Every structure is written in structure tokens, then in C-alpha cells.
Amino acid sequence: MTNKVNKTVNDIKEEALVLYFSKNIGRRVFILTEAFPFMFIGKIKGLLGDILILDVQTTSVPALEGKVWNVHIDSIDVFYIETGIGAKIPHLKDNAEEDVT
């Protein structure tokens, strides 16, 4: 049993992010990080603890696209998940599988 009194703000934040990402498995996500390659657009495949498993469609380096990346949640500075309610994440490649409309 975990004592909530001993949890830090960072622990609570991490748990909330893991829960949020896990609820959005299968959806497209836009992620910015401080570290190279800085930007990812792809589909959330799953989570392994606090590691996001991402099927990358687009990144700042074309040679790194079309691969599965493991992104630590702590390294994510900004993210947006396409939920169908708000704006869609644009497809930045001419050979996009899905329509942008």
C-alpha cells in the first residue's frame, strides 16, 4: 500500500501523465522535447511504466521516421493528443495515409 502523504508533486504528475497517455493509446500525438530529435508526430502504441511507446510518422529527421520510439514521459516538454474534439494534427508528408480534412 502506498502512502499518499509521502508522494511528491513529481510523482503525482507522472502518475497523471501515465494515466492520460494510457487512456489515449491508438491516437495520434504531437510531442516536443528538449533533446534531439526534438519533435515527434505519431500514434501511441502503449506504455511500459513511464515510457511512451510511439509509432513515429514524422520527426525533424526523416531517417528516423517510420520506426517505433520509446520516449520517457519526463523528457516531454509539450504534447497534444488528437481526440476528435479539437483540432487535428496535420500530416506533414505528401504520402500521408489519412485525409487531413
Protein backbone atom coordinates (compact mmCIF):
# COMPACT_ATOMS: atom_id res chain seq x y z
CA MET A 1 0.00 0.00 0.00
CA THR A 2 1.35 3.42 -0.99
CA ASN A 3 1.06 6.27 1.49
CA LYS A 4 -0.18 9.37 -0.37
CA VAL A 5 1.47 11.65 2.18
CA ASN A 6 4.93 10.52 1.02
CA LYS A 7 4.26 11.19 -2.69
CA THR A 8 5.99 14.17 -4.22
CA VAL A 9 4.40 16.56 -6.67
CA ASN A 10 6.53 14.98 -9.41
CA ASP A 11 5.22 11.50 -8.50
CA ILE A 12 1.62 12.70 -8.75
CA LYS A 13 2.32 14.49 -12.05
CA GLU A 14 3.97 11.39 -13.52
CA GLU A 15 1.06 9.15 -12.46
CA ALA A 16 -1.43 11.56 -14.05
CA LEU A 17 0.52 11.69 -17.32
CA VAL A 18 0.88 7.89 -17.46
CA LEU A 19 -2.89 7.55 -16.92
CA TYR A 20 -3.67 10.20 -19.55
CA PHE A 21 -1.40 8.64 -22.18
CA SER A 22 -2.72 5.14 -21.40
CA LYS A 23 -6.30 6.34 -21.96
CA ASN A 24 -5.26 7.63 -25.40
CA ILE A 25 -3.49 4.55 -26.81
CA GLY A 26 -4.11 4.36 -30.55
CA ARG A 27 -4.46 8.11 -31.01
CA ARG A 28 -2.11 10.50 -32.80
CA VAL A 29 0.12 12.70 -30.69
CA PHE A 30 2.42 15.69 -31.28
CA ILE A 31 5.37 15.84 -28.88
CA LEU A 32 8.15 18.39 -28.34
CA THR A 33 11.22 17.52 -26.26
CA GLU A 34 14.40 19.37 -25.31
CA ALA A 35 16.58 16.58 -26.67
CA PHE A 36 17.25 15.50 -30.24
CA PRO A 37 15.23 14.85 -32.40
CA PHE A 38 13.03 17.46 -30.63
CA MET A 39 9.71 16.74 -32.38
CA PHE A 40 7.58 13.64 -32.92
CA ILE A 41 4.23 13.05 -34.57
CA GLY A 42 2.89 9.53 -34.36
CA LYS A 43 0.47 7.06 -32.81
CA ILE A 44 0.62 5.98 -29.20
CA LYS A 45 1.16 2.21 -29.21
CA GLY A 46 1.33 1.73 -25.45
CA LEU A 47 3.24 2.38 -22.26
CA LEU A 48 5.89 0.50 -20.40
CA GLY A 49 5.90 2.07 -16.95
CA ASP A 50 6.61 5.74 -17.64
CA ILE A 51 7.97 5.08 -21.14
CA LEU A 52 5.68 6.02 -24.04
CA ILE A 53 5.86 3.61 -26.98
CA LEU A 54 5.32 5.68 -30.10
CA ASP A 55 4.95 4.67 -33.75
CA VAL A 56 6.63 7.72 -35.30
CA GLN A 57 5.17 9.04 -38.55
CA THR A 58 7.04 12.36 -38.68
CA THR A 59 10.03 13.82 -36.88
CA SER A 60 12.61 16.52 -37.52
CA VAL A 61 14.92 13.91 -39.10
CA PRO A 62 13.35 11.92 -41.98
CA ALA A 63 15.76 8.98 -41.49
CA LEU A 64 14.23 8.41 -38.03
CA GLU A 65 10.63 8.20 -39.28
CA GLY A 66 8.60 5.03 -39.64
CA LYS A 67 10.13 3.49 -36.55
CA VAL A 68 8.93 2.75 -33.03
CA TRP A 69 10.42 5.10 -30.46
CA ASN A 70 10.42 4.84 -26.68
CA VAL A 71 10.01 8.30 -25.16
CA HIS A 72 10.39 8.83 -21.41
CA ILE A 73 7.46 10.88 -20.14
CA ASP A 74 9.81 13.11 -18.12
CA SER A 75 11.53 14.20 -21.35
CA ILE A 76 8.29 15.54 -22.89
CA ASP A 77 8.02 19.33 -22.69
CA VAL A 78 4.84 19.84 -24.73
CA PHE A 79 2.29 17.43 -26.18
CA TYR A 80 -1.07 17.44 -27.90
CA ILE A 81 -3.22 14.35 -28.39
CA GLU A 82 -5.74 14.24 -31.22
CA THR A 83 -9.01 13.25 -29.54
CA GLY A 84 -11.58 14.07 -32.21
CA ILE A 85 -12.91 17.03 -30.24
CA GLY A 86 -10.27 19.66 -31.00
CA ALA A 87 -8.03 20.40 -33.95
CA LYS A 88 -6.40 17.57 -35.91
CA ILE A 89 -2.64 17.19 -36.04
CA PRO A 90 -1.63 17.95 -39.63
CA HIS A 91 0.02 15.33 -41.80
CA LEU A 92 3.32 16.86 -42.87
CA LYS A 93 4.18 14.34 -45.58
CA ASP A 94 2.75 14.10 -49.12
CA ASN A 95 2.21 10.36 -48.74
CA ALA A 96 0.03 10.64 -45.61
CA GLU A 97 -2.22 7.64 -45.06
CA GLU A 98 -5.13 9.64 -43.68
CA ASP A 99 -7.01 12.60 -45.09
CA VAL A 100 -6.40 15.91 -43.33
CA THR A 101 -9.99 17.08 -43.70
